[in-house]
């Protein structure tokens, strides 16, 4: 288990919870062939690599209280996004749900610089240092 996963497991409240209705659950079962957690893992890794966002584990729940095609995304126990995917067809339910999740994560997750960003900053500092030494 990666270190950042262990860090989030120590927190008392779960950071991100996605609740969705039974209609979305049935559609995702067909669309993802039972690999929804793997897709969420890939989603978290891609956000970490591309944008420097360390996303905690995402808990997925099927809710009996929500309408069939409704979803709610909770961050630290607060509902920050909700919607209805009743008009989404053609295997795009996962894509729409992940797009909404990506939007929520970029707004609420802590930013950690990626290796490429750190290298770019280091190179810029080295160039500035060389300019400073050259002008002396």
C-alpha atoms as a PDB file:
ATOM      1  CA  UNK A   1       0.000   0.000   0.000  1.00  0.00           C
ATOM      2  CA  UNK A   2       1.485   3.407  -0.995  1.00  0.00           C
ATOM      3  CA  UNK A   3       2.461   5.800   1.783  1.00  0.00           C
ATOM      4  CA  UNK A   4      -0.159   8.414   0.909  1.00  0.00           C
ATOM      5  CA  UNK A   5      -2.891   5.746   1.154  1.00  0.00           C
ATOM      6  CA  UNK A   6      -1.738   4.880   4.668  1.00  0.00           C
ATOM      7  CA  UNK A   7      -1.797   8.568   5.599  1.00  0.00           C
ATOM      8  CA  UNK A   8      -5.445   8.960   4.569  1.00  0.00           C
ATOM      9  CA  UNK A   9      -6.464   5.784   6.368  1.00  0.00           C
ATOM     10  CA  UNK A  10      -5.321   7.344   9.659  1.00  0.00           C
ATOM     11  CA  UNK A  11      -7.860  10.155   9.352  1.00  0.00           C
ATOM     12  CA  UNK A  12     -11.093   9.703  11.267  1.00  0.00           C
ATOM     13  CA  UNK A  13     -13.433  11.019   8.573  1.00  0.00           C
ATOM     14  CA  UNK A  14     -13.325   9.667   5.087  1.00  0.00           C
ATOM     15  CA  UNK A  15     -12.299  12.380   2.711  1.00  0.00           C
ATOM     16  CA  UNK A  16     -14.292  11.478  -0.417  1.00  0.00           C
ATOM     17  CA  UNK A  17     -17.435   9.356  -0.576  1.00  0.00           C
ATOM     18  CA  UNK A  18     -19.440   8.875  -3.772  1.00  0.00           C
ATOM     19  CA  UNK A  19     -23.021   7.723  -3.212  1.00  0.00           C
ATOM     20  CA  UNK A  20     -25.132   6.773  -6.190  1.00  0.00           C
ATOM     21  CA  UNK A  21     -28.498   5.213  -6.877  1.00  0.00           C
ATOM     22  CA  UNK A  22     -29.243   1.667  -7.955  1.00  0.00           C
ATOM     23  CA  UNK A  23     -29.747   2.662 -11.604  1.00  0.00           C
ATOM     24  CA  UNK A  24     -26.209   4.028 -11.812  1.00  0.00           C
ATOM     25  CA  UNK A  25     -24.921   0.932 -10.003  1.00  0.00           C
ATOM     26  CA  UNK A  26     -26.537  -1.356 -12.588  1.00  0.00           C
ATOM     27  CA  UNK A  27     -25.223   0.736 -15.486  1.00  0.00           C
ATOM     28  CA  UNK A  28     -21.696   0.840 -14.016  1.00  0.00           C
ATOM     29  CA  UNK A  29     -21.722  -2.932 -13.477  1.00  0.00           C
ATOM     30  CA  UNK A  30     -22.326  -3.389 -17.205  1.00  0.00           C
ATOM     31  CA  UNK A  31     -20.034  -0.562 -18.310  1.00  0.00           C
ATOM     32  CA  UNK A  32     -17.031  -1.357 -16.063  1.00  0.00           C
ATOM     33  CA  UNK A  33     -17.449  -5.130 -15.777  1.00  0.00           C
ATOM     34  CA  UNK A  34     -16.868  -4.896 -12.027  1.00  0.00           C
ATOM     35  CA  UNK A  35     -13.625  -2.912 -12.303  1.00  0.00           C
ATOM     36  CA  UNK A  36     -14.913   0.343 -10.818  1.00  0.00           C
ATOM     37  CA  UNK A  37     -12.442   0.407  -7.916  1.00  0.00           C
ATOM     38  CA  UNK A  38      -9.557  -0.150 -10.320  1.00  0.00           C
ATOM     39  CA  UNK A  39     -10.749   2.758 -12.423  1.00  0.00           C
ATOM     40  CA  UNK A  40     -10.897   4.973  -9.325  1.00  0.00           C
ATOM     41  CA  UNK A  41      -7.331   3.950  -8.464  1.00  0.00           C
ATOM     42  CA  UNK A  42      -6.148   4.869 -11.983  1.00  0.00           C
ATOM     43  CA  UNK A  43      -8.054   8.150 -11.714  1.00  0.00           C
ATOM     44  CA  UNK A  44      -6.262   9.025  -8.455  1.00  0.00           C
ATOM     45  CA  UNK A  45      -2.860   8.163  -9.915  1.00  0.00           C
ATOM     46  CA  UNK A  46      -3.427  10.212 -13.061  1.00  0.00           C
ATOM     47  CA  UNK A  47      -4.421  13.276 -11.014  1.00  0.00           C
ATOM     48  CA  UNK A  48      -1.313  12.816  -8.890  1.00  0.00           C
ATOM     49  CA  UNK A  49       0.954  12.614 -11.939  1.00  0.00           C
ATOM     50  CA  UNK A  50      -0.642  15.336 -14.049  1.00  0.00           C
ATOM     51  CA  UNK A  51      -1.744  17.945 -11.533  1.00  0.00           C
ATOM     52  CA  UNK A  52       0.158  17.125  -8.364  1.00  0.00           C
ATOM     53  CA  UNK A  53      -3.009  16.307  -6.428  1.00  0.00           C
ATOM     54  CA  UNK A  54      -2.783  13.581  -3.831  1.00  0.00           C
ATOM     55  CA  UNK A  55      -6.307  12.196  -3.646  1.00  0.00           C
ATOM     56  CA  UNK A  56      -7.293   9.981  -0.714  1.00  0.00           C
ATOM     57  CA  UNK A  57      -9.021   6.647  -1.289  1.00  0.00           C
ATOM     58  CA  UNK A  58     -12.528   7.102  -2.676  1.00  0.00           C
ATOM     59  CA  UNK A  59     -15.311   5.116  -1.047  1.00  0.00           C
ATOM     60  CA  UNK A  60     -18.127   4.075  -3.401  1.00  0.00           C
ATOM     61  CA  UNK A  61     -21.573   3.373  -1.973  1.00  0.00           C
ATOM     62  CA  UNK A  62     -24.877   2.350  -3.495  1.00  0.00           C
ATOM     63  CA  UNK A  63     -27.574   4.311  -1.689  1.00  0.00           C
ATOM     64  CA  UNK A  64     -31.153   3.156  -1.192  1.00  0.00           C
ATOM     65  CA  UNK A  65     -32.320   6.655  -0.287  1.00  0.00           C
ATOM     66  CA  UNK A  66     -31.233   8.279  -3.575  1.00  0.00           C
ATOM     67  CA  UNK A  67     -33.286   8.097  -6.788  1.00  0.00           C
ATOM     68  CA  UNK A  68     -32.092   5.509  -9.313  1.00  0.00           C
ATOM     69  CA  UNK A  69     -29.823   7.772 -11.401  1.00  0.00           C
ATOM     70  CA  UNK A  70     -28.846  10.361  -8.780  1.00  0.00           C
ATOM     71  CA  UNK A  71     -25.443  10.768  -7.137  1.00  0.00           C
ATOM     72  CA  UNK A  72     -23.913  12.785  -4.289  1.00  0.00           C
ATOM     73  CA  UNK A  73     -20.202  13.403  -3.719  1.00  0.00           C
ATOM     74  CA  UNK A  74     -19.221  14.011  -0.086  1.00  0.00           C
ATOM     75  CA  UNK A  75     -15.949  15.654   0.949  1.00  0.00           C
ATOM     76  CA  UNK A  76     -15.137  15.467   4.676  1.00  0.00           C
ATOM     77  CA  UNK A  77     -18.796  14.735   5.440  1.00  0.00           C
ATOM     78  CA  UNK A  78     -20.184  17.676   3.429  1.00  0.00           C
ATOM     79  CA  UNK A  79     -22.143  17.144   0.200  1.00  0.00           C
ATOM     80  CA  UNK A  80     -20.303  19.233  -2.400  1.00  0.00           C
ATOM     81  CA  UNK A  81     -21.770  17.906  -5.636  1.00  0.00           C
ATOM     82  CA  UNK A  82     -24.972  16.181  -6.587  1.00  0.00           C
ATOM     83  CA  UNK A  83     -26.721  15.471  -9.797  1.00  0.00           C
ATOM     84  CA  UNK A  84     -28.855  13.227 -11.904  1.00  0.00           C
ATOM     85  CA  UNK A  85     -27.458  11.116 -14.747  1.00  0.00           C
ATOM     86  CA  UNK A  86     -30.821  10.020 -16.124  1.00  0.00           C
ATOM     87  CA  UNK A  87     -30.194  11.499 -19.600  1.00  0.00           C
ATOM     88  CA  UNK A  88     -26.690  10.080 -19.992  1.00  0.00           C
ATOM     89  CA  UNK A  89     -26.638   7.127 -22.379  1.00  0.00           C
ATOM     90  CA  UNK A  90     -24.249   5.173 -24.517  1.00  0.00           C
ATOM     91  CA  UNK A  91     -21.803   4.021 -21.859  1.00  0.00           C
ATOM     92  CA  UNK A  92     -20.912   7.525 -20.685  1.00  0.00           C
ATOM     93  CA  UNK A  93     -22.116   7.260 -17.088  1.00  0.00           C
ATOM     94  CA  UNK A  94     -18.651   6.470 -15.722  1.00  0.00           C
ATOM     95  CA  UNK A  95     -17.098   9.256 -17.809  1.00  0.00           C
ATOM     96  CA  UNK A  96     -19.611  11.794 -16.483  1.00  0.00           C
ATOM     97  CA  UNK A  97     -19.183  10.609 -12.885  1.00  0.00           C
ATOM     98  CA  UNK A  98     -15.371  10.750 -13.112  1.00  0.00           C
ATOM     99  CA  UNK A  99     -15.525  14.220 -14.700  1.00  0.00           C
ATOM    100  CA  UNK A 100     -17.578  15.486 -11.779  1.00  0.00           C
ATOM    101  CA  UNK A 101     -15.235  13.740  -9.343  1.00  0.00           C
ATOM    102  CA  UNK A 102     -12.209  15.309 -11.071  1.00  0.00           C
ATOM    103  CA  UNK A 103     -13.788  18.742 -10.702  1.00  0.00           C
ATOM    104  CA  UNK A 104     -14.463  18.171  -6.994  1.00  0.00           C
ATOM    105  CA  UNK A 105     -10.963  16.797  -6.378  1.00  0.00           C
ATOM    106  CA  UNK A 106      -9.202  19.714  -8.057  1.00  0.00           C
ATOM    107  CA  UNK A 107     -11.166  22.123  -5.878  1.00  0.00           C
ATOM    108  CA  UNK A 108     -10.813  20.382  -2.504  1.00  0.00           C
ATOM    109  CA  UNK A 109      -7.672  18.243  -2.566  1.00  0.00           C
ATOM    110  CA  UNK A 110      -4.304  19.461  -1.286  1.00  0.00           C
ATOM    111  CA  UNK A 111      -1.715  20.224  -3.961  1.00  0.00           C
ATOM    112  CA  UNK A 112       1.633  18.495  -3.859  1.00  0.00           C
ATOM    113  CA  UNK A 113       4.187  19.333  -6.558  1.00  0.00           C
ATOM    114  CA  UNK A 114       4.995  16.462  -8.897  1.00  0.00           C
ATOM    115  CA  UNK A 115       8.546  15.405  -9.707  1.00  0.00           C
ATOM    116  CA  UNK A 116       8.476  17.228 -13.072  1.00  0.00           C
ATOM    117  CA  UNK A 117       7.311  20.455 -11.425  1.00  0.00           C
ATOM    118  CA  UNK A 118      10.073  20.194  -8.804  1.00  0.00           C
ATOM    119  CA  UNK A 119      12.701  19.622 -11.519  1.00  0.00           C
ATOM    120  CA  UNK A 120      11.385  22.644 -13.462  1.00  0.00           C
ATOM    121  CA  UNK A 121      11.568  24.842 -10.364  1.00  0.00           C
ATOM    122  CA  UNK A 122      15.090  23.595  -9.619  1.00  0.00           C
ATOM    123  CA  UNK A 123      16.229  24.318 -13.191  1.00  0.00           C
ATOM    124  CA  UNK A 124      14.740  27.814 -13.044  1.00  0.00           C
ATOM    125  CA  UNK A 125      16.544  28.508  -9.745  1.00  0.00           C
ATOM    126  CA  UNK A 126      19.823  27.257 -11.219  1.00  0.00           C
ATOM    127  CA  UNK A 127      19.408  29.583 -14.247  1.00  0.00           C
ATOM    128  CA  UNK A 128      18.685  32.537 -11.967  1.00  0.00           C
ATOM    129  CA  UNK A 129      21.770  31.669  -9.903  1.00  0.00           C
ATOM    130  CA  UNK A 130      23.924  31.565 -13.041  1.00  0.00           C
ATOM    131  CA  UNK A 131      22.567  34.965 -14.153  1.00  0.00           C
ATOM    132  CA  UNK A 132      23.342  36.414 -10.732  1.00  0.00           C
ATOM    133  CA  UNK A 133      26.897  35.017 -10.740  1.00  0.00           C
ATOM    134  CA  UNK A 134      27.472  36.264 -14.324  1.00  0.00           C
ATOM    135  CA  UNK A 135      26.448  39.834 -13.427  1.00  0.00           C
ATOM    136  CA  UNK A 136      28.822  39.983 -10.431  1.00  0.00           C
END
